[in-house]
Protein backbone atom coordinates (compact mmCIF):
# COMPACT_ATOMS: atom_id res chain seq x y z
CA MET A 1 13.47 -13.59 -19.40
CA SER A 2 16.40 -15.92 -18.95
CA SER A 3 18.26 -17.46 -21.90
CA ALA A 4 17.87 -21.21 -22.72
CA GLY A 5 19.40 -23.51 -20.26
CA GLN A 6 19.73 -20.87 -17.57
CA SER A 7 17.55 -20.38 -14.44
CA PRO A 8 16.13 -16.96 -13.80
CA SER A 9 18.12 -14.98 -11.12
CA PRO A 10 16.62 -15.40 -7.77
CA MET A 11 15.03 -12.36 -6.12
CA ASN A 12 16.90 -10.66 -3.25
CA LEU A 13 15.83 -9.21 0.04
CA TRP A 14 15.29 -5.67 -1.34
CA SER A 15 13.24 -6.84 -4.35
CA VAL A 16 10.89 -8.83 -2.09
CA THR A 17 10.68 -5.91 0.41
CA ALA A 18 9.91 -3.62 -2.43
CA ILE A 19 6.94 -5.85 -3.49
CA GLY A 20 5.61 -5.65 0.01
CA ILE A 21 6.03 -1.87 0.41
CA GLY A 22 4.44 -1.40 -3.07
CA ALA A 23 1.49 -3.57 -2.18
CA MET A 24 0.91 -1.67 1.08
CA VAL A 25 1.68 1.93 0.12
CA GLY A 26 -0.96 2.27 -2.55
CA ALA A 27 -4.56 3.29 -3.00
CA GLY A 28 -5.21 2.46 0.57
CA ILE A 29 -3.16 5.18 2.31
CA PHE A 30 -4.04 7.84 -0.22
CA ALA A 31 -7.81 7.24 0.30
CA LEU A 32 -8.00 5.90 3.86
CA LEU A 33 -5.84 8.42 5.69
CA GLY A 34 -8.40 11.20 5.33
CA GLU A 35 -11.24 8.98 6.49
CA ALA A 36 -9.18 7.80 9.44
CA ALA A 37 -8.30 11.37 10.27
CA VAL A 38 -11.97 12.47 10.31
CA ALA A 39 -12.71 9.57 12.71
CA ALA A 40 -9.64 9.72 15.05
CA GLY A 41 -8.70 13.40 14.90
CA ARG A 42 -5.49 14.19 16.88
CA ASP A 43 -5.00 10.47 17.61
CA THR A 44 -4.79 9.37 13.96
CA PHE A 45 -1.11 8.62 14.16
CA ILE A 46 -1.71 6.33 17.21
CA ALA A 47 -4.33 4.44 15.12
CA PHE A 48 -1.81 3.84 12.39
CA LEU A 49 0.92 2.80 14.88
CA LEU A 50 -1.50 0.22 16.61
CA ALA A 51 -2.58 -1.09 13.17
CA GLY A 52 1.08 -1.52 12.33
CA VAL A 53 1.57 -3.59 15.38
CA VAL A 54 -1.34 -5.84 14.37
CA ALA A 55 0.14 -6.21 10.88
CA GLN A 56 3.40 -7.27 12.43
CA LEU A 57 1.68 -10.01 14.41
CA SER A 58 -0.10 -11.17 11.26
CA GLY A 59 3.09 -10.82 9.32
CA TYR A 60 4.73 -13.22 11.63
CA SER A 61 2.21 -15.93 10.71
CA TYR A 62 2.80 -15.28 7.02
CA ALA A 63 6.54 -15.43 7.58
CA LYS A 64 6.36 -18.74 9.31
CA LEU A 65 4.04 -20.20 6.54
CA ALA A 66 6.27 -18.91 3.72
CA ALA A 67 9.35 -20.34 5.36
CA ARG A 68 7.75 -23.78 5.67
CA TYR A 69 5.88 -23.79 2.39
CA PRO A 70 7.97 -21.69 -0.17
CA ASP A 71 5.33 -21.85 -2.88
CA ALA A 72 4.38 -19.22 -5.51
CA GLY A 73 0.73 -19.84 -4.68
CA GLY A 74 0.94 -17.88 -1.35
CA ILE A 75 -2.13 -18.11 0.69
CA THR A 76 -3.88 -20.59 -1.67
CA ALA A 77 -0.86 -23.04 -1.07
CA TYR A 78 -1.24 -22.53 2.68
CA LEU A 79 -5.05 -23.38 2.57
CA ASP A 80 -4.23 -26.64 0.61
CA ALA A 81 -1.54 -27.49 3.21
CA GLY A 82 -3.79 -26.75 6.18
CA PHE A 83 -7.11 -28.19 5.04
CA GLY A 84 -6.05 -30.53 2.19
CA PRO A 85 -6.89 -29.95 -1.56
CA GLY A 86 -10.67 -30.19 -1.52
CA ARG A 87 -13.90 -28.20 -1.48
CA LEU A 88 -13.15 -26.05 1.54
CA SER A 89 -9.68 -24.88 0.52
CA GLY A 90 -10.80 -24.56 -3.16
CA THR A 91 -13.84 -22.43 -2.31
CA VAL A 92 -11.82 -20.08 -0.05
CA SER A 93 -9.05 -19.86 -2.58
CA VAL A 94 -11.55 -18.80 -5.32
CA MET A 95 -13.15 -16.31 -3.01
CA PHE A 96 -9.70 -14.85 -2.35
CA LEU A 97 -8.91 -14.61 -6.02
CA LEU A 98 -12.24 -12.97 -6.70
CA VAL A 99 -11.53 -10.41 -3.99
CA LEU A 100 -8.12 -9.68 -5.59
CA ALA A 101 -9.83 -9.24 -9.02
CA ALA A 102 -12.31 -6.83 -7.57
CA ALA A 103 -9.64 -4.93 -5.65
CA ASN A 104 -7.49 -4.62 -8.79
CA ALA A 105 -10.49 -3.23 -10.76
CA LEU A 106 -11.25 -0.70 -8.05
CA VAL A 107 -7.57 0.55 -7.93
CA ALA A 108 -7.44 0.60 -11.74
CA LYS A 109 -10.50 2.78 -11.80
CA ALA A 110 -8.96 5.12 -9.27
CA PHE A 111 -5.79 5.25 -11.40
CA GLY A 112 -7.97 6.13 -14.45
CA GLY A 113 -9.64 8.91 -12.51
CA TYR A 114 -6.33 10.48 -11.30
CA ALA A 115 -4.69 10.01 -14.68
CA ALA A 116 -7.55 11.57 -16.65
CA ALA A 117 -7.69 14.60 -14.31
CA LEU A 118 -3.94 15.19 -14.55
CA LEU A 119 -3.53 14.52 -18.29
CA PHE A 120 -6.68 16.03 -19.63
CA GLY A 121 -8.11 18.09 -16.78
CA ALA A 122 -11.27 16.12 -16.89
CA THR A 123 -12.66 12.95 -15.58
CA SER A 124 -14.94 11.74 -18.41
CA SER A 125 -15.95 8.18 -17.96
CA LEU A 126 -14.47 7.18 -21.45
CA TRP A 127 -10.96 8.36 -20.62
CA VAL A 128 -11.16 6.93 -17.08
CA ASP A 129 -12.12 3.51 -18.44
CA ILE A 130 -9.49 3.70 -21.23
CA LEU A 131 -6.69 4.49 -18.77
CA ALA A 132 -7.91 1.93 -16.18
CA THR A 133 -7.91 -0.80 -18.85
CA ALA A 134 -4.46 0.30 -20.06
CA ILE A 135 -2.86 0.02 -16.69
CA ILE A 136 -4.33 -3.44 -16.14
CA VAL A 137 -2.94 -4.59 -19.50
CA VAL A 138 0.46 -3.21 -18.73
CA PHE A 139 0.70 -5.07 -15.49
CA VAL A 140 -0.65 -8.26 -16.82
CA ALA A 141 2.01 -8.20 -19.50
CA LEU A 142 4.66 -7.46 -16.81
CA ASN A 143 3.46 -10.32 -14.64
CA ALA A 144 3.65 -12.71 -17.60
CA GLY A 145 7.28 -12.10 -17.67
CA SER A 146 9.84 -13.14 -15.01
CA GLU A 147 9.50 -12.67 -11.22
CA ALA A 148 12.84 -10.78 -11.34
CA ALA A 149 11.45 -8.19 -13.82
CA VAL A 150 8.39 -7.69 -11.55
CA GLY A 151 10.71 -7.13 -8.57
CA LYS A 152 12.86 -4.62 -10.44
CA VAL A 153 9.91 -2.52 -11.64
CA GLU A 154 8.43 -2.65 -8.15
CA LEU A 155 11.69 -1.43 -6.74
CA VAL A 156 11.64 1.61 -9.08
CA LEU A 157 7.93 2.44 -8.39
CA VAL A 158 8.35 2.07 -4.76
CA GLY A 159 11.44 4.24 -4.68
CA ILE A 160 9.64 7.11 -6.51
CA LYS A 161 6.57 6.72 -4.23
CA LEU A 162 8.59 6.74 -1.05
CA ILE A 163 10.71 9.73 -2.04
CA ILE A 164 7.58 11.74 -2.77
CA LEU A 165 5.84 10.85 0.43
CA ALA A 166 9.01 11.21 2.51
CA LEU A 167 9.60 14.68 1.13
CA LEU A 168 5.94 15.67 1.93
CA THR A 169 6.41 14.31 5.42
CA VAL A 170 9.70 16.04 6.09
CA ALA A 171 8.52 19.33 4.50
CA GLY A 172 5.22 19.12 6.39
CA LEU A 173 6.85 18.49 9.82
CA THR A 174 9.29 21.34 9.18
CA VAL A 175 6.49 23.82 8.35
CA MET A 176 4.57 22.60 11.39
CA LEU A 177 7.53 23.48 13.70
CA GLY A 178 7.09 27.15 12.83
CA LYS A 179 3.38 27.58 13.40
CA PRO A 180 0.72 26.52 15.93
CA THR A 181 -0.73 23.10 15.34
CA VAL A 182 -4.30 22.68 14.13
CA GLU A 183 -6.60 21.65 16.89
CA HIS A 184 -8.55 18.37 16.46
CA PRO A 185 -10.87 16.62 18.86
CA GLY A 186 -9.93 13.16 20.17
CA PRO A 187 -12.12 10.04 19.39
CA GLY A 188 -12.03 8.50 22.81
CA PHE A 189 -10.82 4.90 23.48
CA ILE A 190 -13.64 3.18 21.61
CA GLY A 191 -13.41 5.47 18.76
CA LEU A 192 -9.62 4.91 18.50
CA ILE A 193 -10.10 1.13 18.52
CA ASP A 194 -12.69 1.43 15.78
CA THR A 195 -10.31 3.52 13.70
CA VAL A 196 -7.58 0.89 14.06
CA GLY A 197 -9.76 -1.47 12.13
CA LEU A 198 -9.91 1.06 9.31
CA THR A 199 -6.21 1.96 9.36
CA PHE A 200 -5.28 -1.72 9.18
CA LEU A 201 -6.68 -1.80 5.62
CA ALA A 202 -3.85 0.62 4.70
CA TYR A 203 -1.30 -2.21 5.51
CA ALA A 204 -3.14 -4.88 3.50
CA GLY A 205 -0.85 -6.32 0.87
CA TYR A 206 2.14 -7.56 2.89
CA GLY A 207 1.01 -11.10 2.26
CA MET A 208 1.89 -10.70 -1.46
CA MET A 209 5.54 -11.13 -0.48
CA THR A 210 4.90 -14.79 0.23
CA ASN A 211 4.16 -15.35 -3.48
CA ALA A 212 7.77 -14.60 -4.15
CA ALA A 213 8.99 -17.34 -1.90
CA ALA A 214 9.50 -19.85 -4.67
CA SER A 215 11.74 -17.35 -6.43
CA VAL A 216 14.03 -16.55 -3.51
CA ALA A 217 17.31 -18.38 -2.83
CA ARG A 218 16.80 -18.68 0.95
CA PRO A 219 13.02 -18.15 1.55
CA GLN A 220 13.26 -19.33 5.27
CA VAL A 221 15.54 -16.30 5.90
CA THR A 222 14.73 -13.75 3.24
CA ILE A 223 10.87 -13.81 3.40
CA PRO A 224 10.55 -13.23 7.24
CA ARG A 225 13.16 -10.41 7.03
CA ALA A 226 11.36 -8.83 4.10
CA ILE A 227 8.00 -8.93 5.74
CA PHE A 228 9.19 -7.31 8.94
CA LEU A 229 11.35 -4.77 7.11
CA ALA A 230 8.48 -3.79 4.81
CA ILE A 231 5.92 -3.41 7.57
CA THR A 232 8.20 -1.40 9.82
CA THR A 233 9.10 0.95 6.97
CA VAL A 234 5.45 1.48 6.21
CA MET A 235 4.64 2.01 9.83
CA VAL A 236 7.20 4.92 10.10
CA LEU A 237 5.87 6.47 6.84
CA TYR A 238 2.23 6.25 7.87
CA VAL A 239 2.71 7.69 11.33
CA GLY A 240 4.68 10.57 9.77
CA LEU A 241 2.07 11.25 7.12
CA ALA A 242 -0.71 11.06 9.67
CA ILE A 243 0.97 13.72 11.84
CA VAL A 244 1.42 15.98 8.78
CA VAL A 245 -2.11 15.59 7.35
CA VAL A 246 -3.82 16.27 10.63
CA GLY A 247 -1.53 19.02 11.46
CA SER A 248 -1.96 20.74 8.08
CA LEU A 249 -5.72 20.53 7.51
CA THR A 250 -8.55 21.77 9.72
CA PRO A 251 -11.37 19.33 10.69
CA ALA A 252 -13.63 21.02 8.10
CA GLN A 253 -10.98 20.50 5.38
CA LEU A 254 -10.58 16.93 6.36
CA ALA A 255 -14.31 16.32 6.13
CA GLN A 256 -14.40 18.04 2.66
CA TYR A 257 -11.35 16.38 1.19
CA ALA A 258 -11.28 12.99 3.00
CA GLY A 259 -10.76 11.03 -0.13
CA THR A 260 -7.74 13.09 -1.19
CA ALA A 261 -6.43 14.31 2.13
CA VAL A 262 -2.79 13.38 1.42
CA ALA A 263 -2.68 15.41 -1.81
CA GLU A 264 -4.56 18.22 -0.12
CA ALA A 265 -2.09 18.38 2.73
CA ALA A 266 0.59 19.06 0.14
CA ARG A 267 -1.10 22.39 -0.79
CA PRO A 268 -0.24 24.39 2.32
CA VAL A 269 3.22 22.87 2.43
CA LEU A 270 4.38 22.77 -1.16
CA GLY A 271 1.70 24.67 -3.05
CA HIS A 272 -0.21 23.45 -6.10
CA ALA A 273 2.93 21.80 -7.47
CA GLY A 274 2.99 19.67 -4.35
CA PHE A 275 -0.60 18.59 -4.99
CA VAL A 276 0.33 17.56 -8.47
CA VAL A 277 3.41 15.67 -7.39
CA VAL A 278 1.57 13.81 -4.67
CA ALA A 279 -1.18 12.97 -7.14
CA ILE A 280 1.48 11.48 -9.34
CA GLY A 281 2.67 9.51 -6.44
CA ALA A 282 -0.85 8.18 -5.98
CA LEU A 283 -0.72 7.00 -9.61
């Protein structure tokens, strides 16, 4: 928090970019990559690449809106600007906020499940609920503080997460160079397009950067740069991860461990310790 009479320090490009990467590289990729690999097989990395292009196009719209309306309300402010403050914009805004609440509850529940398994070796509903509630309380308290504090914490979390996933990607690609690749069937053109719709969900969250527009010194410049930088970084990471996961697990393993495929892909590359580290990254 800033001292009396002083304005909080404005967020910079890297803090805003970290918020976007943190919003995208989350529960989505850890849960969706396996499902996408089951559907797209050897073309999974293409599905993530195409979804990234769609995200860039959508991000362009967000960037233009954020530059014109640098408001902390994000998409709710854009709805008011586009349709006027009334029943339509209000209803859609409430629906959007309800979706966010449900999504946060879902992700918190997943956090509780991973944390209970890693800390206690069990997934009893009581510990899952306690840990899920605790992580919500922690981040509510954090968001009640300054935007700069949120950006700094996100920068640290994103750094840890990217290091873990980058190490897995590099190690996986290195191991794959020394052995035959696992054969996977292709989905065909229609199947690939269907999978793009699924993989796009792994990019959901880049719009959160627009909520920081009011806390940035030059939002017309910083927000568009942050959006494109964040999406491009995530595209490279997702394509690399897709290649490693599909190249490390057989079709039968993907079907069995679809929900935790990223962590499972760490086993043949880095052993059980790799599985634990990637699970921590998921947290």
